[in-house]
């Protein structure tokens, strides 16, 4: 699917893809989209919200997209990657990954939550 959309895999990093292009409804500025994939998850780095929406609209036509993961991680709001909560405190220089929800879901699934 990625090659069909014009992505190129980076030779320096497997499973990391890049696309540089212009959106038709944009001001004509060059846009960039980086996509890291792992099994059935992906991380998107987009030069603008319009580019992120362009990709998500095409992805959702072919695959179900998890609504819990909105794809946005910023300094102010945590996000999700591979079922992990991600928080970044730029002032303290801390990057935090938290898998509490995933661990609790697995414990419940196997009846070992206590």
PDB file of N, CA and C in Angstrom:
ATOM      1  N   UNK A   1       0.815  -1.193   0.000  1.00  0.00           N
ATOM      2  CA  UNK A   1       0.000   0.000   0.000  1.00  0.00           C
ATOM      3  C   UNK A   1       0.863   1.263   0.000  1.00  0.00           C
ATOM      4  N   UNK A   2       1.952   1.278   0.783  1.00  0.00           N
ATOM      5  CA  UNK A   2       2.768   2.482   0.880  1.00  0.00           C
ATOM      6  C   UNK A   2       3.420   2.842  -0.444  1.00  0.00           C
ATOM      7  N   UNK A   3       3.900   1.850  -1.147  1.00  0.00           N
ATOM      8  CA  UNK A   3       4.520   2.134  -2.454  1.00  0.00           C
ATOM      9  C   UNK A   3       3.474   2.633  -3.442  1.00  0.00           C
ATOM     10  N   UNK A   4       2.233   2.134  -3.310  1.00  0.00           N
ATOM     11  CA  UNK A   4       1.139   2.612  -4.160  1.00  0.00           C
ATOM     12  C   UNK A   4       0.855   4.098  -3.946  1.00  0.00           C
ATOM     13  N   UNK A   5       1.128   4.577  -2.725  1.00  0.00           N
ATOM     14  CA  UNK A   5       0.911   5.983  -2.396  1.00  0.00           C
ATOM     15  C   UNK A   5       2.144   6.844  -2.636  1.00  0.00           C
ATOM     16  N   UNK A   6       3.205   6.248  -3.149  1.00  0.00           N
ATOM     17  CA  UNK A   6       4.405   7.012  -3.480  1.00  0.00           C
ATOM     18  C   UNK A   6       5.439   7.117  -2.372  1.00  0.00           C
ATOM     19  N   UNK A   7       5.342   6.283  -1.349  1.00  0.00           N
ATOM     20  CA  UNK A   7       6.332   6.293  -0.276  1.00  0.00           C
ATOM     21  C   UNK A   7       7.580   5.540  -0.711  1.00  0.00           C
ATOM     22  N   UNK A   8       8.725   5.975  -0.194  1.00  0.00           N
ATOM     23  CA  UNK A   8       9.991   5.271  -0.409  1.00  0.00           C
ATOM     24  C   UNK A   8      10.504   4.807   0.936  1.00  0.00           C
ATOM     25  N   UNK A   9      10.953   3.543   1.011  1.00  0.00           N
ATOM     26  CA  UNK A   9      11.534   3.051   2.251  1.00  0.00           C
ATOM     27  C   UNK A   9      12.939   3.621   2.383  1.00  0.00           C
ATOM     28  N   UNK A  10      13.278   4.120   3.570  1.00  0.00           N
ATOM     29  CA  UNK A  10      14.609   4.661   3.783  1.00  0.00           C
ATOM     30  C   UNK A  10      15.606   3.517   3.884  1.00  0.00           C
ATOM     31  N   UNK A  11      16.690   3.612   3.157  1.00  0.00           N
ATOM     32  CA  UNK A  11      17.682   2.538   3.166  1.00  0.00           C
ATOM     33  C   UNK A  11      18.417   2.472   4.513  1.00  0.00           C
ATOM     34  N   UNK A  12      18.451   3.573   5.232  1.00  0.00           N
ATOM     35  CA  UNK A  12      19.162   3.613   6.507  1.00  0.00           C
ATOM     36  C   UNK A  12      18.346   3.044   7.663  1.00  0.00           C
ATOM     37  N   UNK A  13      17.044   2.891   7.475  1.00  0.00           N
ATOM     38  CA  UNK A  13      16.178   2.473   8.574  1.00  0.00           C
ATOM     39  C   UNK A  13      15.026   1.626   8.032  1.00  0.00           C
ATOM     40  N   UNK A  14      15.062   0.319   8.287  1.00  0.00           N
ATOM     41  CA  UNK A  14      13.974  -0.519   7.791  1.00  0.00           C
ATOM     42  C   UNK A  14      12.646  -0.137   8.453  1.00  0.00           C
ATOM     43  N   UNK A  15      11.590  -0.262   7.705  1.00  0.00           N
ATOM     44  CA  UNK A  15      10.223   0.031   8.157  1.00  0.00           C
ATOM     45  C   UNK A  15       9.973   1.511   8.421  1.00  0.00           C
ATOM     46  N   UNK A  16      10.828   2.377   7.906  1.00  0.00           N
ATOM     47  CA  UNK A  16      10.602   3.810   7.965  1.00  0.00           C
ATOM     48  C   UNK A  16      10.476   4.293   6.528  1.00  0.00           C
ATOM     49  N   UNK A  17       9.368   4.971   6.244  1.00  0.00           N
ATOM     50  CA  UNK A  17       9.044   5.376   4.881  1.00  0.00           C
ATOM     51  C   UNK A  17       8.887   6.892   4.827  1.00  0.00           C
ATOM     52  N   UNK A  18       9.140   7.449   3.647  1.00  0.00           N
ATOM     53  CA  UNK A  18       9.085   8.901   3.456  1.00  0.00           C
ATOM     54  C   UNK A  18       8.397   9.234   2.146  1.00  0.00           C
ATOM     55  N   UNK A  19       7.617  10.304   2.207  1.00  0.00           N
ATOM     56  CA  UNK A  19       6.981  10.815   0.996  1.00  0.00           C
ATOM     57  C   UNK A  19       7.070  12.336   1.042  1.00  0.00           C
ATOM     58  N   UNK A  20       7.559  12.928  -0.025  1.00  0.00           N
ATOM     59  CA  UNK A  20       7.616  14.381  -0.176  1.00  0.00           C
ATOM     60  C   UNK A  20       6.738  14.717  -1.365  1.00  0.00           C
ATOM     61  N   UNK A  21       5.795  15.641  -1.160  1.00  0.00           N
ATOM     62  CA  UNK A  21       4.820  15.941  -2.210  1.00  0.00           C
ATOM     63  C   UNK A  21       4.129  17.273  -1.935  1.00  0.00           C
ATOM     64  N   UNK A  22       3.272  17.646  -2.844  1.00  0.00           N
ATOM     65  CA  UNK A  22       2.458  18.857  -2.688  1.00  0.00           C
ATOM     66  C   UNK A  22       0.989  18.438  -2.695  1.00  0.00           C
ATOM     67  N   UNK A  23       0.211  19.013  -1.785  1.00  0.00           N
ATOM     68  CA  UNK A  23      -1.228  18.762  -1.766  1.00  0.00           C
ATOM     69  C   UNK A  23      -1.899  19.680  -2.779  1.00  0.00           C
ATOM     70  N   UNK A  24      -2.875  19.151  -3.479  1.00  0.00           N
ATOM     71  CA  UNK A  24      -3.553  19.947  -4.500  1.00  0.00           C
ATOM     72  C   UNK A  24      -4.308  21.129  -3.910  1.00  0.00           C
ATOM     73  N   UNK A  25      -4.918  20.939  -2.738  1.00  0.00           N
ATOM     74  CA  UNK A  25      -5.715  22.011  -2.144  1.00  0.00           C
ATOM     75  C   UNK A  25      -4.916  22.901  -1.193  1.00  0.00           C
ATOM     76  N   UNK A  26      -3.601  22.758  -1.199  1.00  0.00           N
ATOM     77  CA  UNK A  26      -2.738  23.528  -0.314  1.00  0.00           C
ATOM     78  C   UNK A  26      -2.174  24.731  -1.075  1.00  0.00           C
ATOM     79  N   UNK A  27      -1.307  25.485  -0.445  1.00  0.00           N
ATOM     80  CA  UNK A  27      -0.714  26.661  -1.084  1.00  0.00           C
ATOM     81  C   UNK A  27       0.430  26.305  -2.041  1.00  0.00           C
ATOM     82  N   UNK A  28       0.621  25.013  -2.272  1.00  0.00           N
ATOM     83  CA  UNK A  28       1.674  24.572  -3.176  1.00  0.00           C
ATOM     84  C   UNK A  28       2.997  24.311  -2.497  1.00  0.00           C
ATOM     85  N   UNK A  29       3.043  24.492  -1.177  1.00  0.00           N
ATOM     86  CA  UNK A  29       4.286  24.249  -0.446  1.00  0.00           C
ATOM     87  C   UNK A  29       4.586  22.755  -0.409  1.00  0.00           C
ATOM     88  N   UNK A  30       5.861  22.429  -0.426  1.00  0.00           N
ATOM     89  CA  UNK A  30       6.274  21.034  -0.345  1.00  0.00           C
ATOM     90  C   UNK A  30       5.957  20.493   1.046  1.00  0.00           C
ATOM     91  N   UNK A  31       5.370  19.319   1.097  1.00  0.00           N
ATOM     92  CA  UNK A  31       4.994  18.677   2.349  1.00  0.00           C
ATOM     93  C   UNK A  31       5.797  17.390   2.511  1.00  0.00           C
ATOM     94  N   UNK A  32       5.936  16.947   3.756  1.00  0.00           N
ATOM     95  CA  UNK A  32       6.682  15.718   4.013  1.00  0.00           C
ATOM     96  C   UNK A  32       5.919  14.860   5.008  1.00  0.00           C
ATOM     97  N   UNK A  33       5.982  13.557   4.771  1.00  0.00           N
ATOM     98  CA  UNK A  33       5.325  12.587   5.636  1.00  0.00           C
ATOM     99  C   UNK A  33       6.303  11.466   5.911  1.00  0.00           C
ATOM    100  N   UNK A  34       6.572  11.204   7.195  1.00  0.00           N
ATOM    101  CA  UNK A  34       7.402  10.074   7.609  1.00  0.00           C
ATOM    102  C   UNK A  34       6.495   9.069   8.282  1.00  0.00           C
ATOM    103  N   UNK A  35       6.691   7.814   7.979  1.00  0.00           N
ATOM    104  CA  UNK A  35       5.835   6.773   8.519  1.00  0.00           C
ATOM    105  C   UNK A  35       6.691   5.613   8.995  1.00  0.00           C
ATOM    106  N   UNK A  36       6.618   5.337  10.289  1.00  0.00           N
ATOM    107  CA  UNK A  36       7.281   4.177  10.857  1.00  0.00           C
ATOM    108  C   UNK A  36       6.241   3.105  11.088  1.00  0.00           C
ATOM    109  N   UNK A  37       6.498   1.890  10.644  1.00  0.00           N
ATOM    110  CA  UNK A  37       5.505   0.826  10.811  1.00  0.00           C
ATOM    111  C   UNK A  37       6.109  -0.335  11.581  1.00  0.00           C
ATOM    112  N   UNK A  38       5.261  -0.975  12.375  1.00  0.00           N
ATOM    113  CA  UNK A  38       5.648  -2.158  13.117  1.00  0.00           C
ATOM    114  C   UNK A  38       4.420  -3.047  13.214  1.00  0.00           C
ATOM    115  N   UNK A  39       4.463  -4.190  12.564  1.00  0.00           N
ATOM    116  CA  UNK A  39       3.373  -5.154  12.490  1.00  0.00           C
ATOM    117  C   UNK A  39       2.112  -4.436  12.013  1.00  0.00           C
ATOM    118  N   UNK A  40       1.150  -4.160  12.912  1.00  0.00           N
ATOM    119  CA  UNK A  40      -0.081  -3.503  12.480  1.00  0.00           C
ATOM    120  C   UNK A  40      -0.237  -2.103  13.082  1.00  0.00           C
ATOM    121  N   UNK A  41       0.848  -1.516  13.549  1.00  0.00           N
ATOM    122  CA  UNK A  41       0.835  -0.164  14.101  1.00  0.00           C
ATOM    123  C   UNK A  41       1.735   0.736  13.272  1.00  0.00           C
ATOM    124  N   UNK A  42       1.458   2.022  13.333  1.00  0.00           N
ATOM    125  CA  UNK A  42       2.332   2.964  12.648  1.00  0.00           C
ATOM    126  C   UNK A  42       2.428   4.264  13.436  1.00  0.00           C
ATOM    127  N   UNK A  43       3.518   4.954  13.219  1.00  0.00           N
ATOM    128  CA  UNK A  43       3.755   6.273  13.794  1.00  0.00           C
ATOM    129  C   UNK A  43       3.913   7.225  12.616  1.00  0.00           C
ATOM    130  N   UNK A  44       3.205   8.326  12.684  1.00  0.00           N
ATOM    131  CA  UNK A  44       3.191   9.281  11.583  1.00  0.00           C
ATOM    132  C   UNK A  44       3.873  10.569  12.017  1.00  0.00           C
ATOM    133  N   UNK A  45       4.783  11.052  11.203  1.00  0.00           N
ATOM    134  CA  UNK A  45       5.376  12.368  11.378  1.00  0.00           C
ATOM    135  C   UNK A  45       5.008  13.184  10.151  1.00  0.00           C
ATOM    136  N   UNK A  46       4.213  14.216  10.349  1.00  0.00           N
ATOM    137  CA  UNK A  46       3.708  14.988   9.202  1.00  0.00           C
ATOM    138  C   UNK A  46       4.099  16.448   9.329  1.00  0.00           C
ATOM    139  N   UNK A  47       4.371  17.076   8.197  1.00  0.00           N
ATOM    140  CA  UNK A  47       4.760  18.479   8.199  1.00  0.00           C
ATOM    141  C   UNK A  47       3.578  19.407   8.457  1.00  0.00           C
ATOM    142  N   UNK A  48       2.350  18.883   8.355  1.00  0.00           N
ATOM    143  CA  UNK A  48       1.167  19.697   8.644  1.00  0.00           C
ATOM    144  C   UNK A  48      -0.008  18.777   8.975  1.00  0.00           C
ATOM    145  N   UNK A  49      -1.020  19.355   9.585  1.00  0.00           N
ATOM    146  CA  UNK A  49      -2.235  18.601   9.902  1.00  0.00           C
ATOM    147  C   UNK A  49      -2.925  18.141   8.622  1.00  0.00           C
ATOM    148  N   UNK A  50      -2.866  18.934   7.579  1.00  0.00           N
ATOM    149  CA  UNK A  50      -3.488  18.549   6.303  1.00  0.00           C
ATOM    150  C   UNK A  50      -2.849  17.280   5.735  1.00  0.00           C
ATOM    151  N   UNK A  51      -1.537  17.164   5.867  1.00  0.00           N
ATOM    152  CA  UNK A  51      -0.828  15.981   5.379  1.00  0.00           C
ATOM    153  C   UNK A  51      -1.198  14.765   6.221  1.00  0.00           C
ATOM    154  N   UNK A  52      -1.281  14.934   7.535  1.00  0.00           N
ATOM    155  CA  UNK A  52      -1.677  13.831   8.415  1.00  0.00           C
ATOM    156  C   UNK A  52      -3.075  13.342   8.057  1.00  0.00           C
ATOM    157  N   UNK A  53      -3.985  14.267   7.840  1.00  0.00           N
ATOM    158  CA  UNK A  53      -5.355  13.896   7.468  1.00  0.00           C
ATOM    159  C   UNK A  53      -5.394  13.227   6.097  1.00  0.00           C
ATOM    160  N   UNK A  54      -4.562  13.680   5.175  1.00  0.00           N
ATOM    161  CA  UNK A  54      -4.488  13.060   3.844  1.00  0.00           C
ATOM    162  C   UNK A  54      -4.153  11.584   3.986  1.00  0.00           C
ATOM    163  N   UNK A  55      -3.140  11.281   4.799  1.00  0.00           N
ATOM    164  CA  UNK A  55      -2.728   9.889   4.972  1.00  0.00           C
ATOM    165  C   UNK A  55      -3.796   9.073   5.708  1.00  0.00           C
ATOM    166  N   UNK A  56      -4.318   9.607   6.811  1.00  0.00           N
ATOM    167  CA  UNK A  56      -5.315   8.868   7.589  1.00  0.00           C
ATOM    168  C   UNK A  56      -6.573   8.572   6.773  1.00  0.00           C
ATOM    169  N   UNK A  57      -6.968   9.484   5.902  1.00  0.00           N
ATOM    170  CA  UNK A  57      -8.152   9.235   5.074  1.00  0.00           C
ATOM    171  C   UNK A  57      -7.914   8.069   4.120  1.00  0.00           C
ATOM    172  N   UNK A  58      -6.726   7.948   3.579  1.00  0.00           N
ATOM    173  CA  UNK A  58      -6.413   6.827   2.685  1.00  0.00           C
ATOM    174  C   UNK A  58      -6.237   5.522   3.462  1.00  0.00           C
ATOM    175  N   UNK A  59      -5.621   5.607   4.632  1.00  0.00           N
ATOM    176  CA  UNK A  59      -5.427   4.418   5.454  1.00  0.00           C
ATOM    177  C   UNK A  59      -6.765   3.835   5.902  1.00  0.00           C
ATOM    178  N   UNK A  60      -7.676   4.699   6.348  1.00  0.00           N
ATOM    179  CA  UNK A  60      -8.953   4.223   6.878  1.00  0.00           C
ATOM    180  C   UNK A  60      -9.863   3.635   5.802  1.00  0.00           C
ATOM    181  N   UNK A  61      -9.609   3.934   4.541  1.00  0.00           N
ATOM    182  CA  UNK A  61     -10.391   3.311   3.462  1.00  0.00           C
ATOM    183  C   UNK A  61     -10.021   1.842   3.284  1.00  0.00           C
ATOM    184  N   UNK A  62      -8.812   1.481   3.714  1.00  0.00           N
ATOM    185  CA  UNK A  62      -8.333   0.120   3.497  1.00  0.00           C
ATOM    186  C   UNK A  62      -8.242  -0.708   4.777  1.00  0.00           C
ATOM    187  N   UNK A  63      -7.980  -0.050   5.923  1.00  0.00           N
ATOM    188  CA  UNK A  63      -7.790  -0.751   7.188  1.00  0.00           C
ATOM    189  C   UNK A  63      -8.582  -0.056   8.291  1.00  0.00           C
ATOM    190  N   UNK A  64      -8.996  -0.820   9.323  1.00  0.00           N
ATOM    191  CA  UNK A  64      -9.621  -0.156  10.474  1.00  0.00           C
ATOM    192  C   UNK A  64      -8.580   0.666  11.227  1.00  0.00           C
ATOM    193  N   UNK A  65      -8.955   1.845  11.634  1.00  0.00           N
ATOM    194  CA  UNK A  65      -8.054   2.731  12.367  1.00  0.00           C
ATOM    195  C   UNK A  65      -8.579   2.844  13.794  1.00  0.00           C
ATOM    196  N   UNK A  66      -7.714   2.587  14.765  1.00  0.00           N
ATOM    197  CA  UNK A  66      -8.084   2.627  16.179  1.00  0.00           C
ATOM    198  C   UNK A  66      -8.380   4.063  16.584  1.00  0.00           C
ATOM    199  N   UNK A  67      -9.608   4.302  17.004  1.00  0.00           N
ATOM    200  CA  UNK A  67     -10.017   5.660  17.385  1.00  0.00           C
ATOM    201  C   UNK A  67      -9.356   6.131  18.677  1.00  0.00           C
ATOM    202  N   UNK A  68      -8.891   5.194  19.538  1.00  0.00           N
ATOM    203  CA  UNK A  68      -8.223   5.588  20.785  1.00  0.00           C
ATOM    204  C   UNK A  68      -6.920   6.313  20.495  1.00  0.00           C
ATOM    205  N   UNK A  69      -6.314   5.978  19.393  1.00  0.00           N
ATOM    206  CA  UNK A  69      -5.038   6.575  19.036  1.00  0.00           C
ATOM    207  C   UNK A  69      -5.271   7.639  17.977  1.00  0.00           C
ATOM    208  N   UNK A  70      -5.266   8.892  18.387  1.00  0.00           N
ATOM    209  CA  UNK A  70      -5.567   9.958  17.446  1.00  0.00           C
ATOM    210  C   UNK A  70      -4.377  10.351  16.596  1.00  0.00           C
ATOM    211  N   UNK A  71      -3.214   9.787  16.901  1.00  0.00           N
ATOM    212  CA  UNK A  71      -2.041  10.075  16.095  1.00  0.00           C
ATOM    213  C   UNK A  71      -1.316  11.348  16.451  1.00  0.00           C
ATOM    214  N   UNK A  72      -1.783  12.029  17.496  1.00  0.00           N
ATOM    215  CA  UNK A  72      -1.153  13.291  17.851  1.00  0.00           C
ATOM    216  C   UNK A  72      -0.435  13.155  19.186  1.00  0.00           C
ATOM    217  N   UNK A  73       0.846  13.440  19.173  1.00  0.00           N
ATOM    218  CA  UNK A  73       1.632  13.503  20.399  1.00  0.00           C
ATOM    219  C   UNK A  73       2.311  14.861  20.394  1.00  0.00           C
ATOM    220  N   UNK A  74       2.102  15.601  21.462  1.00  0.00           N
ATOM    221  CA  UNK A  74       2.732  16.920  21.547  1.00  0.00           C
ATOM    222  C   UNK A  74       3.370  17.070  22.921  1.00  0.00           C
ATOM    223  N   UNK A  75       4.018  18.178  23.149  1.00  0.00           N
ATOM    224  CA  UNK A  75       4.610  18.431  24.450  1.00  0.00           C
ATOM    225  C   UNK A  75       3.526  18.610  25.513  1.00  0.00           C
ATOM    226  N   UNK A  76       2.354  19.097  25.113  1.00  0.00           N
ATOM    227  CA  UNK A  76       1.288  19.386  26.064  1.00  0.00           C
ATOM    228  C   UNK A  76       0.369  18.200  26.320  1.00  0.00           C
ATOM    229  N   UNK A  77       0.147  17.386  25.323  1.00  0.00           N
ATOM    230  CA  UNK A  77      -0.788  16.263  25.428  1.00  0.00           C
ATOM    231  C   UNK A  77      -0.084  14.943  25.165  1.00  0.00           C
ATOM    232  N   UNK A  78      -0.314  13.945  26.037  1.00  0.00           N
ATOM    233  CA  UNK A  78       0.265  12.627  25.763  1.00  0.00           C
ATOM    234  C   UNK A  78      -0.413  11.992  24.560  1.00  0.00           C
ATOM    235  N   UNK A  79       0.248  11.037  23.979  1.00  0.00           N
ATOM    236  CA  UNK A  79      -0.309  10.310  22.851  1.00  0.00           C
ATOM    237  C   UNK A  79      -0.080   8.832  23.046  1.00  0.00           C
ATOM    238  N   UNK A  80      -0.349   8.058  22.011  1.00  0.00           N
ATOM    239  CA  UNK A  80      -0.208   6.613  22.086  1.00  0.00           C
ATOM    240  C   UNK A  80       0.642   6.113  20.923  1.00  0.00           C
ATOM    241  N   UNK A  81       1.557   5.193  21.252  1.00  0.00           N
ATOM    242  CA  UNK A  81       2.352   4.486  20.255  1.00  0.00           C
ATOM    243  C   UNK A  81       2.414   3.036  20.698  1.00  0.00           C
ATOM    244  N   UNK A  82       2.040   2.116  19.820  1.00  0.00           N
ATOM    245  CA  UNK A  82       2.107   0.692  20.130  1.00  0.00           C
ATOM    246  C   UNK A  82       1.460   0.374  21.482  1.00  0.00           C
ATOM    247  N   UNK A  83       0.280   0.915  21.717  1.00  0.00           N
ATOM    248  CA  UNK A  83      -0.500   0.721  22.950  1.00  0.00           C
ATOM    249  C   UNK A  83       0.179   1.276  24.196  1.00  0.00           C
ATOM    250  N   UNK A  84       1.105   2.195  24.019  1.00  0.00           N
ATOM    251  CA  UNK A  84       1.767   2.836  25.154  1.00  0.00           C
ATOM    252  C   UNK A  84       1.368   4.304  25.212  1.00  0.00           C
ATOM    253  N   UNK A  85       1.128   4.807  26.419  1.00  0.00           N
ATOM    254  CA  UNK A  85       0.959   6.235  26.605  1.00  0.00           C
ATOM    255  C   UNK A  85       2.348   6.866  26.532  1.00  0.00           C
ATOM    256  N   UNK A  86       2.476   7.958  25.831  1.00  0.00           N
ATOM    257  CA  UNK A  86       3.752   8.656  25.694  1.00  0.00           C
ATOM    258  C   UNK A  86       3.589  10.077  26.220  1.00  0.00           C
ATOM    259  N   UNK A  87       4.460  10.450  27.148  1.00  0.00           N
ATOM    260  CA  UNK A  87       4.468  11.812  27.677  1.00  0.00           C
ATOM    261  C   UNK A  87       5.888  12.355  27.562  1.00  0.00           C
ATOM    262  N   UNK A  88       5.978  13.645  27.302  1.00  0.00           N
ATOM    263  CA  UNK A  88       7.284  14.281  27.190  1.00  0.00           C
ATOM    264  C   UNK A  88       7.245  15.587  27.962  1.00  0.00           C
ATOM    265  N   UNK A  89       8.116  15.730  28.928  1.00  0.00           N
ATOM    266  CA  UNK A  89       8.234  16.955  29.695  1.00  0.00           C
ATOM    267  C   UNK A  89       9.515  17.642  29.242  1.00  0.00           C
ATOM    268  N   UNK A  90       9.369  18.633  28.395  1.00  0.00           N
ATOM    269  CA  UNK A  90      10.535  19.290  27.807  1.00  0.00           C
ATOM    270  C   UNK A  90      11.348  20.040  28.869  1.00  0.00           C
ATOM    271  N   UNK A  91      10.675  20.598  29.886  1.00  0.00           N
ATOM    272  CA  UNK A  91      11.394  21.346  30.928  1.00  0.00           C
ATOM    273  C   UNK A  91      12.270  20.431  31.770  1.00  0.00           C
ATOM    274  N   UNK A  92      11.748  19.242  32.096  1.00  0.00           N
ATOM    275  CA  UNK A  92      12.498  18.283  32.912  1.00  0.00           C
ATOM    276  C   UNK A  92      13.373  17.363  32.066  1.00  0.00           C
ATOM    277  N   UNK A  93      13.159  17.374  30.745  1.00  0.00           N
ATOM    278  CA  UNK A  93      13.924  16.505  29.862  1.00  0.00           C
ATOM    279  C   UNK A  93      13.580  15.031  30.036  1.00  0.00           C
ATOM    280  N   UNK A  94      12.291  14.749  30.279  1.00  0.00           N
ATOM    281  CA  UNK A  94      11.861  13.377  30.539  1.00  0.00           C
ATOM    282  C   UNK A  94      10.927  12.894  29.422  1.00  0.00           C
ATOM    283  N   UNK A  95      11.234  11.736  28.891  1.00  0.00           N
ATOM    284  CA  UNK A  95      10.373  11.048  27.933  1.00  0.00           C
ATOM    285  C   UNK A  95       9.870   9.802  28.638  1.00  0.00           C
ATOM    286  N   UNK A  96       8.557   9.654  28.770  1.00  0.00           N
ATOM    287  CA  UNK A  96       7.976   8.562  29.547  1.00  0.00           C
ATOM    288  C   UNK A  96       7.047   7.713  28.688  1.00  0.00           C
ATOM    289  N   UNK A  97       7.237   6.406  28.757  1.00  0.00           N
ATOM    290  CA  UNK A  97       6.350   5.448  28.111  1.00  0.00           C
ATOM    291  C   UNK A  97       5.646   4.668  29.210  1.00  0.00           C
ATOM    292  N   UNK A  98       4.330   4.533  29.131  1.00  0.00           N
ATOM    293  CA  UNK A  98       3.555   3.865  30.163  1.00  0.00           C
ATOM    294  C   UNK A  98       2.641   2.840  29.508  1.00  0.00           C
ATOM    295  N   UNK A  99       2.733   1.577  29.942  1.00  0.00           N
ATOM    296  CA  UNK A  99       1.912   0.513  29.377  1.00  0.00           C
ATOM    297  C   UNK A  99       0.876  -0.010  30.364  1.00  0.00           C
ATOM    298  N   UNK A 100       0.483   0.787  31.332  1.00  0.00           N
ATOM    299  CA  UNK A 100      -0.456   0.354  32.357  1.00  0.00           C
ATOM    300  C   UNK A 100      -1.745  -0.198  31.751  1.00  0.00           C
ATOM    301  N   UNK A 101      -2.355   0.521  30.809  1.00  0.00           N
ATOM    302  CA  UNK A 101      -3.612   0.059  30.201  1.00  0.00           C
ATOM    303  C   UNK A 101      -3.446  -1.292  29.514  1.00  0.00           C
ATOM    304  N   UNK A 102      -2.375  -1.468  28.771  1.00  0.00           N
ATOM    305  CA  UNK A 102      -2.149  -2.729  28.058  1.00  0.00           C
ATOM    306  C   UNK A 102      -1.928  -3.875  29.037  1.00  0.00           C
ATOM    307  N   UNK A 103      -1.182  -3.619  30.103  1.00  0.00           N
ATOM    308  CA  UNK A 103      -0.908  -4.647  31.106  1.00  0.00           C
ATOM    309  C   UNK A 103      -2.197  -5.036  31.827  1.00  0.00           C
ATOM    310  N   UNK A 104      -2.999  -4.038  32.197  1.00  0.00           N
ATOM    311  CA  UNK A 104      -4.263  -4.320  32.883  1.00  0.00           C
ATOM    312  C   UNK A 104      -5.224  -5.088  31.979  1.00  0.00           C
ATOM    313  N   UNK A 105      -5.253  -4.772  30.690  1.00  0.00           N
ATOM    314  CA  UNK A 105      -6.122  -5.494  29.746  1.00  0.00           C
ATOM    315  C   UNK A 105      -5.690  -6.953  29.617  1.00  0.00           C
ATOM    316  N   UNK A 106      -4.392  -7.196  29.558  1.00  0.00           N
ATOM    317  CA  UNK A 106      -3.893  -8.575  29.490  1.00  0.00           C
ATOM    318  C   UNK A 106      -4.201  -9.345  30.781  1.00  0.00           C
ATOM    319  N   UNK A 107      -4.018  -8.686  31.919  1.00  0.00           N
ATOM    320  CA  UNK A 107      -4.311  -9.334  33.200  1.00  0.00           C
ATOM    321  C   UNK A 107      -5.781  -9.712  33.286  1.00  0.00           C
ATOM    322  N   UNK A 108      -6.649  -8.820  32.847  1.00  0.00           N
ATOM    323  CA  UNK A 108      -8.092  -9.107  32.859  1.00  0.00           C
ATOM    324  C   UNK A 108      -8.420 -10.256  31.909  1.00  0.00           C
ATOM    325  N   UNK A 109      -7.819 -10.238  30.731  1.00  0.00           N
ATOM    326  CA  UNK A 109      -8.052 -11.290  29.724  1.00  0.00           C
ATOM    327  C   UNK A 109      -7.705 -12.671  30.280  1.00  0.00           C
ATOM    328  N   UNK A 110      -6.628 -12.759  31.057  1.00  0.00           N
ATOM    329  CA  UNK A 110      -6.175 -14.050  31.568  1.00  0.00           C
ATOM    330  C   UNK A 110      -6.605 -14.289  33.020  1.00  0.00           C
ATOM    331  N   UNK A 111      -7.444 -13.386  33.564  1.00  0.00           N
ATOM    332  CA  UNK A 111      -7.999 -13.577  34.903  1.00  0.00           C
ATOM    333  C   UNK A 111      -6.999 -13.484  36.037  1.00  0.00           C
ATOM    334  N   UNK A 112      -5.964 -12.682  35.857  1.00  0.00           N
ATOM    335  CA  UNK A 112      -4.948 -12.545  36.902  1.00  0.00           C
ATOM    336  C   UNK A 112      -4.812 -11.097  37.378  1.00  0.00           C
ATOM    337  N   UNK A 113      -5.906 -10.343  37.322  1.00  0.00           N
ATOM    338  CA  UNK A 113      -5.811  -8.929  37.675  1.00  0.00           C
ATOM    339  C   UNK A 113      -5.565  -8.693  39.160  1.00  0.00           C
ATOM    340  N   UNK A 114      -5.775  -9.693  39.997  1.00  0.00           N
ATOM    341  CA  UNK A 114      -5.498  -9.516  41.430  1.00  0.00           C
ATOM    342  C   UNK A 114      -4.200 -10.172  41.771  1.00  0.00           C
TER     343      UNK A 114
END
